[in-house]
Amino acid sequence: MSSLADREKKLLLDVARRAVTLAARHGESLGEGDLPTDEILTRPGGAFLTLRIRRRLRGCIGQLASGVPLVRVVAHCAKAAALEDPRFEPVRAEEISEIEIEISVLSDLEDAAPENIESGRHGLMVSRGRQRGVLLPQVAVEFRWTAERFLEETCVKGGLEPAAWKDPATRVQVFTAEVFSESLFSESTGAIGKSSP
């Protein structure tokens, strides 16, 4: 996917904010009529939605690129991050104003040799049989992992042994992510939609 303009990033953040709000207050999803129809946003794409409260993770759900339009993926993952992340209790209505939303728009997956992986630039998907682990590029940055440690942690995320990436039967794929959050725009324009109903 080509780089998004600020206007498109703001539209996606607004969709995510409305989806989280509707999910937390009523357990419902945004309808098709609630989504923008800008051409670039209706192209197929993948995304991860990350929710934080005071910089602490509150939910994160993603969907790799498929045939689904990016804007629908964002709406779906926003609701899922609010209600369905198994690591957390569902987001409560009273938490909505504290939540910071971050979106990672994903490129298509590409097969990669382990020696070509760049920690901090690439996200990873490691798969073998039905087991699959996915980690975003910013995770390696946050924990200051080397490329090898990133590979090991992605294997563990998928329920594989840490060295599974060395096995010829294990598929290693990379992607890049365009990452942006509400705080990117709130400094100059005020937080996006934080008072939305």
Foldseek 3Di string as FASTA:
>chain_A
DDDDDPVVVLLLQLLLLVLLLCCQPPVDFDDPVVHDDPPQQQAFWKKKKFKDFPNHTAFIDIDGTDRGGNSVRSRVNSSCRQPPRVVHHHHHNVCLLRIKMKMWIKDHKDFDDLVPDAQLFKWKWKDADPFIFTDASVVCVVVVHGSLQNQQVRCVRRVHHSPCSVPPRMTMIIIGIDMDIQVVPCVPPRGRCSVPD
